[in-house]
Amino acid sequence: MNPKTKKANLKRIGWLILHLVIIVNFVVEIFYGFYQIFFVLLPPGGKKGPLMGAAKDISPELMTKRRLFATETWIAISGLAIYIAVVYKDKFRNIVG
């Protein structure tokens, strides 16, 4: 194998690993936010999942915590969508036409 080819392959693998780390970081943040919102920050005596009717009985502090995690989750979702759109825009163009 040519040394230049080997160096190019290592560089390409390095970039691929960096992209994977960034994407995995976004995905983990999204799942963590969903977990906190729907399984951890529950109203007293509430069940897992969306608040639905229990929203009127929740304390303002707990509602604020849930909203902060929801905001953080939406930022991660938006960041992942923008990152994928910018980095992989050429691949999407080939798919669309």
PDB file of N, CA and C in Angstrom:
ATOM      1  N   MET A   1       0.850  -1.183   0.000  1.00  0.00           N
ATOM      2  CA  MET A   1       0.000   0.000   0.000  1.00  0.00           C
ATOM      3  C   MET A   1       0.891   1.240   0.000  1.00  0.00           C
ATOM      4  N   ASN A   2       0.518   2.186  -0.778  1.00  0.00           N
ATOM      5  CA  ASN A   2       1.232   3.445  -0.908  1.00  0.00           C
ATOM      6  C   ASN A   2       1.113   4.237   0.405  1.00  0.00           C
ATOM      7  N   PRO A   3       2.189   4.863   0.892  1.00  0.00           N
ATOM      8  CA  PRO A   3       2.103   5.641   2.148  1.00  0.00           C
ATOM      9  C   PRO A   3       1.093   6.785   2.081  1.00  0.00           C
ATOM     10  N   LYS A   4       0.960   7.394   0.900  1.00  0.00           N
ATOM     11  CA  LYS A   4      -0.024   8.478   0.768  1.00  0.00           C
ATOM     12  C   LYS A   4      -1.447   7.942   0.871  1.00  0.00           C
ATOM     13  N   THR A   5      -1.666   6.771   0.291  1.00  0.00           N
ATOM     14  CA  THR A   5      -2.986   6.148   0.368  1.00  0.00           C
ATOM     15  C   THR A   5      -3.305   5.757   1.804  1.00  0.00           C
ATOM     16  N   LYS A   6      -2.300   5.227   2.490  1.00  0.00           N
ATOM     17  CA  LYS A   6      -2.493   4.833   3.891  1.00  0.00           C
ATOM     18  C   LYS A   6      -2.815   6.053   4.752  1.00  0.00           C
ATOM     19  N   LYS A   7      -2.112   7.150   4.511  1.00  0.00           N
ATOM     20  CA  LYS A   7      -2.355   8.373   5.266  1.00  0.00           C
ATOM     21  C   LYS A   7      -3.756   8.919   4.968  1.00  0.00           C
ATOM     22  N   ALA A   8      -4.181   8.861   3.706  1.00  0.00           N
ATOM     23  CA  ALA A   8      -5.518   9.329   3.332  1.00  0.00           C
ATOM     24  C   ALA A   8      -6.591   8.469   3.983  1.00  0.00           C
ATOM     25  N   ASN A   9      -6.362   7.149   4.041  1.00  0.00           N
ATOM     26  CA  ASN A   9      -7.330   6.258   4.687  1.00  0.00           C
ATOM     27  C   ASN A   9      -7.434   6.541   6.178  1.00  0.00           C
ATOM     28  N   LEU A  10      -6.299   6.776   6.836  1.00  0.00           N
ATOM     29  CA  LEU A  10      -6.323   7.103   8.268  1.00  0.00           C
ATOM     30  C   LEU A  10      -7.049   8.421   8.518  1.00  0.00           C
ATOM     31  N   LYS A  11      -6.818   9.384   7.646  1.00  0.00           N
ATOM     32  CA  LYS A  11      -7.496  10.677   7.778  1.00  0.00           C
ATOM     33  C   LYS A  11      -9.004  10.513   7.605  1.00  0.00           C
ATOM     34  N   ARG A  12      -9.407   9.717   6.608  1.00  0.00           N
ATOM     35  CA  ARG A  12     -10.828   9.486   6.364  1.00  0.00           C
ATOM     36  C   ARG A  12     -11.475   8.754   7.541  1.00  0.00           C
ATOM     37  N   ILE A  13     -10.778   7.783   8.091  1.00  0.00           N
ATOM     38  CA  ILE A  13     -11.296   7.050   9.249  1.00  0.00           C
ATOM     39  C   ILE A  13     -11.414   7.978  10.454  1.00  0.00           C
ATOM     40  N   GLY A  14     -10.439   8.861  10.619  1.00  0.00           N
ATOM     41  CA  GLY A  14     -10.487   9.829  11.716  1.00  0.00           C
ATOM     42  C   GLY A  14     -11.700  10.740  11.622  1.00  0.00           C
ATOM     43  N   TRP A  15     -11.973  11.244  10.412  1.00  0.00           N
ATOM     44  CA  TRP A  15     -13.149  12.092  10.218  1.00  0.00           C
ATOM     45  C   TRP A  15     -14.441  11.313  10.455  1.00  0.00           C
ATOM     46  N   LEU A  16     -14.475  10.064  10.011  1.00  0.00           N
ATOM     47  CA  LEU A  16     -15.655   9.233  10.220  1.00  0.00           C
ATOM     48  C   LEU A  16     -15.910   9.025  11.713  1.00  0.00           C
ATOM     49  N   ILE A  17     -14.861   8.771  12.465  1.00  0.00           N
ATOM     50  CA  ILE A  17     -15.004   8.595  13.914  1.00  0.00           C
ATOM     51  C   ILE A  17     -15.503   9.884  14.555  1.00  0.00           C
ATOM     52  N   LEU A  18     -14.962  11.027  14.123  1.00  0.00           N
ATOM     53  CA  LEU A  18     -15.416  12.306  14.672  1.00  0.00           C
ATOM     54  C   LEU A  18     -16.900  12.533  14.392  1.00  0.00           C
ATOM     55  N   HIS A  19     -17.337  12.259  13.164  1.00  0.00           N
ATOM     56  CA  HIS A  19     -18.757  12.408  12.822  1.00  0.00           C
ATOM     57  C   HIS A  19     -19.623  11.476  13.668  1.00  0.00           C
ATOM     58  N   LEU A  20     -19.185  10.249  13.839  1.00  0.00           N
ATOM     59  CA  LEU A  20     -19.954   9.297  14.646  1.00  0.00           C
ATOM     60  C   LEU A  20     -20.054   9.743  16.103  1.00  0.00           C
ATOM     61  N   VAL A  21     -18.967  10.267  16.652  1.00  0.00           N
ATOM     62  CA  VAL A  21     -18.986  10.743  18.039  1.00  0.00           C
ATOM     63  C   VAL A  21     -19.980  11.897  18.187  1.00  0.00           C
ATOM     64  N   ILE A  22     -19.980  12.812  17.237  1.00  0.00           N
ATOM     65  CA  ILE A  22     -20.898  13.951  17.304  1.00  0.00           C
ATOM     66  C   ILE A  22     -22.347  13.472  17.206  1.00  0.00           C
ATOM     67  N   ILE A  23     -22.629  12.587  16.263  1.00  0.00           N
ATOM     68  CA  ILE A  23     -24.001  12.089  16.087  1.00  0.00           C
ATOM     69  C   ILE A  23     -24.451  11.285  17.297  1.00  0.00           C
ATOM     70  N   VAL A  24     -23.593  10.424  17.815  1.00  0.00           N
ATOM     71  CA  VAL A  24     -23.943   9.631  19.002  1.00  0.00           C
ATOM     72  C   VAL A  24     -24.185  10.546  20.193  1.00  0.00           C
ATOM     73  N   ASN A  25     -23.398  11.595  20.316  1.00  0.00           N
ATOM     74  CA  ASN A  25     -23.597  12.550  21.408  1.00  0.00           C
ATOM     75  C   ASN A  25     -24.982  13.189  21.325  1.00  0.00           C
ATOM     76  N   PHE A  26     -25.394  13.616  20.141  1.00  0.00           N
ATOM     77  CA  PHE A  26     -26.730  14.186  19.974  1.00  0.00           C
ATOM     78  C   PHE A  26     -27.812  13.159  20.315  1.00  0.00           C
ATOM     79  N   VAL A  27     -27.670  11.943  19.823  1.00  0.00           N
ATOM     80  CA  VAL A  27     -28.685  10.904  20.046  1.00  0.00           C
ATOM     81  C   VAL A  27     -28.805  10.569  21.536  1.00  0.00           C
ATOM     82  N   VAL A  28     -27.675  10.460  22.217  1.00  0.00           N
ATOM     83  CA  VAL A  28     -27.701  10.178  23.658  1.00  0.00           C
ATOM     84  C   VAL A  28     -28.393  11.317  24.402  1.00  0.00           C
ATOM     85  N   GLU A  29     -28.099  12.545  24.026  1.00  0.00           N
ATOM     86  CA  GLU A  29     -28.740  13.694  24.667  1.00  0.00           C
ATOM     87  C   GLU A  29     -30.251  13.678  24.443  1.00  0.00           C
ATOM     88  N   ILE A  30     -30.684  13.304  23.262  1.00  0.00           N
ATOM     89  CA  ILE A  30     -32.119  13.235  22.960  1.00  0.00           C
ATOM     90  C   ILE A  30     -32.803  12.167  23.811  1.00  0.00           C
ATOM     91  N   PHE A  31     -32.209  10.973  23.865  1.00  0.00           N
ATOM     92  CA  PHE A  31     -32.805   9.908  24.677  1.00  0.00           C
ATOM     93  C   PHE A  31     -32.787  10.245  26.160  1.00  0.00           C
ATOM     94  N   TYR A  32     -31.710  10.895  26.619  1.00  0.00           N
ATOM     95  CA  TYR A  32     -31.630  11.293  28.025  1.00  0.00           C
ATOM     96  C   TYR A  32     -32.740  12.297  28.356  1.00  0.00           C
ATOM     97  N   GLY A  33     -32.967  13.253  27.468  1.00  0.00           N
ATOM     98  CA  GLY A  33     -34.029  14.236  27.703  1.00  0.00           C
ATOM     99  C   GLY A  33     -35.400  13.588  27.769  1.00  0.00           C
ATOM    100  N   PHE A  34     -35.680  12.677  26.817  1.00  0.00           N
ATOM    101  CA  PHE A  34     -36.951  11.959  26.854  1.00  0.00           C
ATOM    102  C   PHE A  34     -37.091  11.146  28.144  1.00  0.00           C
ATOM    103  N   TYR A  35     -36.015  10.496  28.553  1.00  0.00           N
ATOM    104  CA  TYR A  35     -36.054   9.696  29.772  1.00  0.00           C
ATOM    105  C   TYR A  35     -36.376  10.577  30.977  1.00  0.00           C
ATOM    106  N   GLN A  36     -35.715  11.718  31.094  1.00  0.00           N
ATOM    107  CA  GLN A  36     -35.953  12.606  32.228  1.00  0.00           C
ATOM    108  C   GLN A  36     -37.392  13.132  32.227  1.00  0.00           C
ATOM    109  N   ILE A  37     -37.871  13.510  31.065  1.00  0.00           N
ATOM    110  CA  ILE A  37     -39.208  14.112  30.978  1.00  0.00           C
ATOM    111  C   ILE A  37     -40.307  13.095  31.266  1.00  0.00           C
ATOM    112  N   PHE A  38     -40.206  11.918  30.672  1.00  0.00           N
ATOM    113  CA  PHE A  38     -41.326  10.978  30.731  1.00  0.00           C
ATOM    114  C   PHE A  38     -41.195   9.881  31.791  1.00  0.00           C
ATOM    115  N   PHE A  39     -40.009   9.700  32.378  1.00  0.00           N
ATOM    116  CA  PHE A  39     -39.849   8.609  33.339  1.00  0.00           C
ATOM    117  C   PHE A  39     -39.302   9.038  34.698  1.00  0.00           C
ATOM    118  N   VAL A  40     -38.635  10.174  34.788  1.00  0.00           N
ATOM    119  CA  VAL A  40     -38.026  10.583  36.055  1.00  0.00           C
ATOM    120  C   VAL A  40     -38.814  11.715  36.711  1.00  0.00           C
ATOM    121  N   LEU A  41     -39.063  12.774  35.989  1.00  0.00           N
ATOM    122  CA  LEU A  41     -39.734  13.943  36.553  1.00  0.00           C
ATOM    123  C   LEU A  41     -41.249  13.766  36.476  1.00  0.00           C
ATOM    124  N   LEU A  42     -41.757  12.976  37.393  1.00  0.00           N
ATOM    125  CA  LEU A  42     -43.185  12.641  37.416  1.00  0.00           C
ATOM    126  C   LEU A  42     -43.873  13.391  38.551  1.00  0.00           C
ATOM    127  N   PRO A  43     -45.151  13.730  38.382  1.00  0.00           N
ATOM    128  CA  PRO A  43     -45.885  14.336  39.487  1.00  0.00           C
ATOM    129  C   PRO A  43     -46.089  13.299  40.591  1.00  0.00           C
ATOM    130  N   PRO A  44     -46.266  13.742  41.814  1.00  0.00           N
ATOM    131  CA  PRO A  44     -46.503  12.789  42.892  1.00  0.00           C
ATOM    132  C   PRO A  44     -47.720  11.918  42.592  1.00  0.00           C
ATOM    133  N   GLY A  45     -47.538  10.629  42.642  1.00  0.00           N
ATOM    134  CA  GLY A  45     -48.611   9.690  42.358  1.00  0.00           C
ATOM    135  C   GLY A  45     -48.931   9.572  40.876  1.00  0.00           C
ATOM    136  N   GLY A  46     -48.151  10.210  40.045  1.00  0.00           N
ATOM    137  CA  GLY A  46     -48.401  10.179  38.607  1.00  0.00           C
ATOM    138  C   GLY A  46     -47.826   8.933  37.965  1.00  0.00           C
ATOM    139  N   LYS A  47     -48.242   8.706  36.729  1.00  0.00           N
ATOM    140  CA  LYS A  47     -47.729   7.557  36.008  1.00  0.00           C
ATOM    141  C   LYS A  47     -46.732   8.020  34.949  1.00  0.00           C
ATOM    142  N   LYS A  48     -45.979   7.093  34.416  1.00  0.00           N
ATOM    143  CA  LYS A  48     -44.969   7.412  33.416  1.00  0.00           C
ATOM    144  C   LYS A  48     -45.632   7.824  32.113  1.00  0.00           C
ATOM    145  N   GLY A  49     -44.988   8.750  31.420  1.00  0.00           N
ATOM    146  CA  GLY A  49     -45.503   9.207  30.142  1.00  0.00           C
ATOM    147  C   GLY A  49     -45.885  10.677  30.197  1.00  0.00           C
ATOM    148  N   PRO A  50     -46.678  11.123  29.233  1.00  0.00           N
ATOM    149  CA  PRO A  50     -47.100  12.528  29.204  1.00  0.00           C
ATOM    150  C   PRO A  50     -47.971  12.881  30.401  1.00  0.00           C
ATOM    151  N   LEU A  51     -48.013  14.141  30.743  1.00  0.00           N
ATOM    152  CA  LEU A  51     -48.778  14.569  31.917  1.00  0.00           C
ATOM    153  C   LEU A  51     -50.282  14.474  31.701  1.00  0.00           C
ATOM    154  N   MET A  52     -50.749  14.880  30.536  1.00  0.00           N
ATOM    155  CA  MET A  52     -52.181  14.933  30.217  1.00  0.00           C
ATOM    156  C   MET A  52     -52.933  15.720  31.296  1.00  0.00           C
ATOM    157  N   GLY A  53     -53.881  15.120  31.971  1.00  0.00           N
ATOM    158  CA  GLY A  53     -54.689  15.819  32.966  1.00  0.00           C
ATOM    159  C   GLY A  53     -53.947  16.158  34.237  1.00  0.00           C
ATOM    160  N   ALA A  54     -52.829  15.482  34.504  1.00  0.00           N
ATOM    161  CA  ALA A  54     -52.061  15.749  35.722  1.00  0.00           C
ATOM    162  C   ALA A  54     -51.300  17.068  35.643  1.00  0.00           C
ATOM    163  N   ALA A  55     -51.302  17.722  34.495  1.00  0.00           N
ATOM    164  CA  ALA A  55     -50.564  18.975  34.332  1.00  0.00           C
ATOM    165  C   ALA A  55     -51.109  20.071  35.250  1.00  0.00           C
ATOM    166  N   LYS A  56     -52.383  20.025  35.558  1.00  0.00           N
ATOM    167  CA  LYS A  56     -52.960  21.077  36.406  1.00  0.00           C
ATOM    168  C   LYS A  56     -52.591  20.885  37.878  1.00  0.00           C
ATOM    169  N   ASP A  57     -52.151  19.682  38.263  1.00  0.00           N
ATOM    170  CA  ASP A  57     -51.831  19.406  39.661  1.00  0.00           C
ATOM    171  C   ASP A  57     -50.327  19.403  39.943  1.00  0.00           C
ATOM    172  N   ILE A  58     -49.516  19.711  38.961  1.00  0.00           N
ATOM    173  CA  ILE A  58     -48.064  19.623  39.125  1.00  0.00           C
ATOM    174  C   ILE A  58     -47.536  20.923  39.736  1.00  0.00           C
ATOM    175  N   SER A  59     -46.470  20.808  40.509  1.00  0.00           N
ATOM    176  CA  SER A  59     -45.886  21.990  41.142  1.00  0.00           C
ATOM    177  C   SER A  59     -45.150  22.822  40.089  1.00  0.00           C
ATOM    178  N   PRO A  60     -45.067  24.119  40.305  1.00  0.00           N
ATOM    179  CA  PRO A  60     -44.356  24.980  39.350  1.00  0.00           C
ATOM    180  C   PRO A  60     -42.872  24.600  39.194  1.00  0.00           C
ATOM    181  N   GLU A  61     -42.254  24.155  40.280  1.00  0.00           N
ATOM    182  CA  GLU A  61     -40.846  23.761  40.208  1.00  0.00           C
ATOM    183  C   GLU A  61     -40.653  22.549  39.306  1.00  0.00           C
ATOM    184  N   LEU A  62     -41.530  21.566  39.465  1.00  0.00           N
ATOM    185  CA  LEU A  62     -41.432  20.359  38.639  1.00  0.00           C
ATOM    186  C   LEU A  62     -41.753  20.674  37.175  1.00  0.00           C
ATOM    187  N   MET A  63     -42.726  21.537  36.960  1.00  0.00           N
ATOM    188  CA  MET A  63     -43.054  21.929  35.588  1.00  0.00           C
ATOM    189  C   MET A  63     -41.879  22.662  34.944  1.00  0.00           C
ATOM    190  N   THR A  64     -41.211  23.508  35.709  1.00  0.00           N
ATOM    191  CA  THR A  64     -40.051  24.228  35.182  1.00  0.00           C
ATOM    192  C   THR A  64     -38.934  23.260  34.822  1.00  0.00           C
ATOM    193  N   LYS A  65     -38.682  22.274  35.676  1.00  0.00           N
ATOM    194  CA  LYS A  65     -37.651  21.274  35.373  1.00  0.00           C
ATOM    195  C   LYS A  65     -37.993  20.501  34.108  1.00  0.00           C
ATOM    196  N   ARG A  66     -39.251  20.099  33.983  1.00  0.00           N
ATOM    197  CA  ARG A  66     -39.663  19.357  32.780  1.00  0.00           C
ATOM    198  C   ARG A  66     -39.519  20.217  31.530  1.00  0.00           C
ATOM    199  N   ARG A  67     -39.888  21.475  31.627  1.00  0.00           N
ATOM    200  CA  ARG A  67     -39.773  22.367  30.467  1.00  0.00           C
ATOM    201  C   ARG A  67     -38.320  22.620  30.097  1.00  0.00           C
ATOM    202  N   LEU A  68     -37.449  22.727  31.086  1.00  0.00           N
ATOM    203  CA  LEU A  68     -36.030  22.917  30.792  1.00  0.00           C
ATOM    204  C   LEU A  68     -35.453  21.685  30.076  1.00  0.00           C
ATOM    205  N   PHE A  69     -35.811  20.504  30.542  1.00  0.00           N
ATOM    206  CA  PHE A  69     -35.357  19.294  29.854  1.00  0.00           C
ATOM    207  C   PHE A  69     -35.971  19.191  28.458  1.00  0.00           C
ATOM    208  N   ALA A  70     -37.221  19.606  28.315  1.00  0.00           N
ATOM    209  CA  ALA A  70     -37.857  19.577  26.997  1.00  0.00           C
ATOM    210  C   ALA A  70     -37.156  20.544  26.043  1.00  0.00           C
ATOM    211  N   THR A  71     -36.798  21.711  26.531  1.00  0.00           N
ATOM    212  CA  THR A  71     -36.072  22.676  25.709  1.00  0.00           C
ATOM    213  C   THR A  71     -34.716  22.127  25.302  1.00  0.00           C
ATOM    214  N   GLU A  72     -34.024  21.538  26.255  1.00  0.00           N
ATOM    215  CA  GLU A  72     -32.723  20.935  25.969  1.00  0.00           C
ATOM    216  C   GLU A  72     -32.845  19.819  24.929  1.00  0.00           C
ATOM    217  N   THR A  73     -33.899  19.039  25.034  1.00  0.00           N
ATOM    218  CA  THR A  73     -34.123  17.952  24.077  1.00  0.00           C
ATOM    219  C   THR A  73     -34.406  18.502  22.689  1.00  0.00           C
ATOM    220  N   TRP A  74     -35.235  19.538  22.599  1.00  0.00           N
ATOM    221  CA  TRP A  74     -35.529  20.131  21.297  1.00  0.00           C
ATOM    222  C   TRP A  74     -34.293  20.767  20.675  1.00  0.00           C
ATOM    223  N   ILE A  75     -33.443  21.352  21.498  1.00  0.00           N
ATOM    224  CA  ILE A  75     -32.190  21.918  20.975  1.00  0.00           C
ATOM    225  C   ILE A  75     -31.315  20.807  20.410  1.00  0.00           C
ATOM    226  N   ALA A  76     -31.248  19.672  21.103  1.00  0.00           N
ATOM    227  CA  ALA A  76     -30.458  18.541  20.604  1.00  0.00           C
ATOM    228  C   ALA A  76     -31.045  17.984  19.310  1.00  0.00           C
ATOM    229  N   ILE A  77     -32.363  17.886  19.229  1.00  0.00           N
ATOM    230  CA  ILE A  77     -33.006  17.401  18.002  1.00  0.00           C
ATOM    231  C   ILE A  77     -32.716  18.354  16.844  1.00  0.00           C
ATOM    232  N   SER A  78     -32.848  19.641  17.096  1.00  0.00           N
ATOM    233  CA  SER A  78     -32.572  20.636  16.055  1.00  0.00           C
ATOM    234  C   SER A  78     -31.105  20.617  15.651  1.00  0.00           C
ATOM    235  N   GLY A  79     -30.226  20.520  16.636  1.00  0.00           N
ATOM    236  CA  GLY A  79     -28.792  20.467  16.341  1.00  0.00           C
ATOM    237  C   GLY A  79     -28.426  19.265  15.498  1.00  0.00           C
ATOM    238  N   LEU A  80     -28.998  18.118  15.812  1.00  0.00           N
ATOM    239  CA  LEU A  80     -28.730  16.908  15.025  1.00  0.00           C
ATOM    240  C   LEU A  80     -29.248  17.067  13.604  1.00  0.00           C
ATOM    241  N   ALA A  81     -30.442  17.604  13.456  1.00  0.00           N
ATOM    242  CA  ALA A  81     -31.007  17.798  12.115  1.00  0.00           C
ATOM    243  C   ALA A  81     -30.154  18.756  11.289  1.00  0.00           C
ATOM    244  N   ILE A  82     -29.719  19.851  11.891  1.00  0.00           N
ATOM    245  CA  ILE A  82     -28.878  20.814  11.180  1.00  0.00           C
ATOM    246  C   ILE A  82     -27.530  20.204  10.842  1.00  0.00           C
ATOM    247  N   TYR A  83     -26.935  19.496  11.789  1.00  0.00           N
ATOM    248  CA  TYR A  83     -25.634  18.872  11.555  1.00  0.00           C
ATOM    249  C   TYR A  83     -25.705  17.882  10.393  1.00  0.00           C
ATOM    250  N   ILE A  84     -26.709  17.029  10.412  1.00  0.00           N
ATOM    251  CA  ILE A  84     -26.861  16.035   9.327  1.00  0.00           C
ATOM    252  C   ILE A  84     -27.119  16.744   7.995  1.00  0.00           C
ATOM    253  N   ALA A  85     -27.936  17.793   8.007  1.00  0.00           N
ATOM    254  CA  ALA A  85     -28.240  18.514   6.767  1.00  0.00           C
ATOM    255  C   ALA A  85     -26.999  19.185   6.190  1.00  0.00           C
ATOM    256  N   VAL A  86     -26.154  19.743   7.049  1.00  0.00           N
ATOM    257  CA  VAL A  86     -24.969  20.442   6.562  1.00  0.00           C
ATOM    258  C   VAL A  86     -23.885  19.463   6.123  1.00  0.00           C
ATOM    259  N   VAL A  87     -23.620  18.463   6.940  1.00  0.00           N
ATOM    260  CA  VAL A  87     -22.505  17.549   6.664  1.00  0.00           C
ATOM    261  C   VAL A  87     -22.817  16.606   5.511  1.00  0.00           C
ATOM    262  N   TYR A  88     -24.051  16.146   5.433  1.00  0.00           N
ATOM    263  CA  TYR A  88     -24.407  15.139   4.435  1.00  0.00           C
ATOM    264  C   TYR A  88     -25.299  15.693   3.331  1.00  0.00           C
ATOM    265  N   LYS A  89     -25.220  16.996   3.065  1.00  0.00           N
ATOM    266  CA  LYS A  89     -26.094  17.619   2.069  1.00  0.00           C
ATOM    267  C   LYS A  89     -25.882  17.041   0.681  1.00  0.00           C
ATOM    268  N   ASP A  90     -24.644  16.699   0.318  1.00  0.00           N
ATOM    269  CA  ASP A  90     -24.383  16.125  -1.011  1.00  0.00           C
ATOM    270  C   ASP A  90     -25.042  14.768  -1.170  1.00  0.00           C
ATOM    271  N   LYS A  91     -25.030  13.979  -0.130  1.00  0.00           N
ATOM    272  CA  LYS A  91     -25.670  12.653  -0.198  1.00  0.00           C
ATOM    273  C   LYS A  91     -27.181  12.793  -0.337  1.00  0.00           C
ATOM    274  N   PHE A  92     -27.774  13.800   0.321  1.00  0.00           N
ATOM    275  CA  PHE A  92     -29.207  14.013   0.191  1.00  0.00           C
ATOM    276  C   PHE A  92     -29.569  14.499  -1.208  1.00  0.00           C
ATOM    277  N   ARG A  93     -28.707  15.313  -1.802  1.00  0.00           N
ATOM    278  CA  ARG A  93     -28.969  15.770  -3.173  1.00  0.00           C
ATOM    279  C   ARG A  93     -28.999  14.596  -4.148  1.00  0.00           C
ATOM    280  N   ASN A  94     -28.116  13.617  -3.937  1.00  0.00           N
ATOM    281  CA  ASN A  94     -28.083  12.450  -4.812  1.00  0.00           C
ATOM    282  C   ASN A  94     -29.333  11.600  -4.656  1.00  0.00           C
ATOM    283  N   ILE A  95     -29.900  11.578  -3.460  1.00  0.00           N
ATOM    284  CA  ILE A  95     -31.105  10.785  -3.219  1.00  0.00           C
ATOM    285  C   ILE A  95     -32.307  11.440  -3.887  1.00  0.00           C
ATOM    286  N   VAL A  96     -32.426  12.748  -3.714  1.00  0.00           N
ATOM    287  CA  VAL A  96     -33.582  13.491  -4.224  1.00  0.00           C
ATOM    288  C   VAL A  96     -33.551  13.574  -5.749  1.00  0.00           C
ATOM    289  N   GLY A  97     -32.420  13.780  -6.303  1.00  0.00           N
ATOM    290  CA  GLY A  97     -32.403  13.839  -7.769  1.00  0.00           C
ATOM    291  C   GLY A  97     -31.296  14.618  -8.231  1.00  0.00           C
TER     292      GLY A  97
END
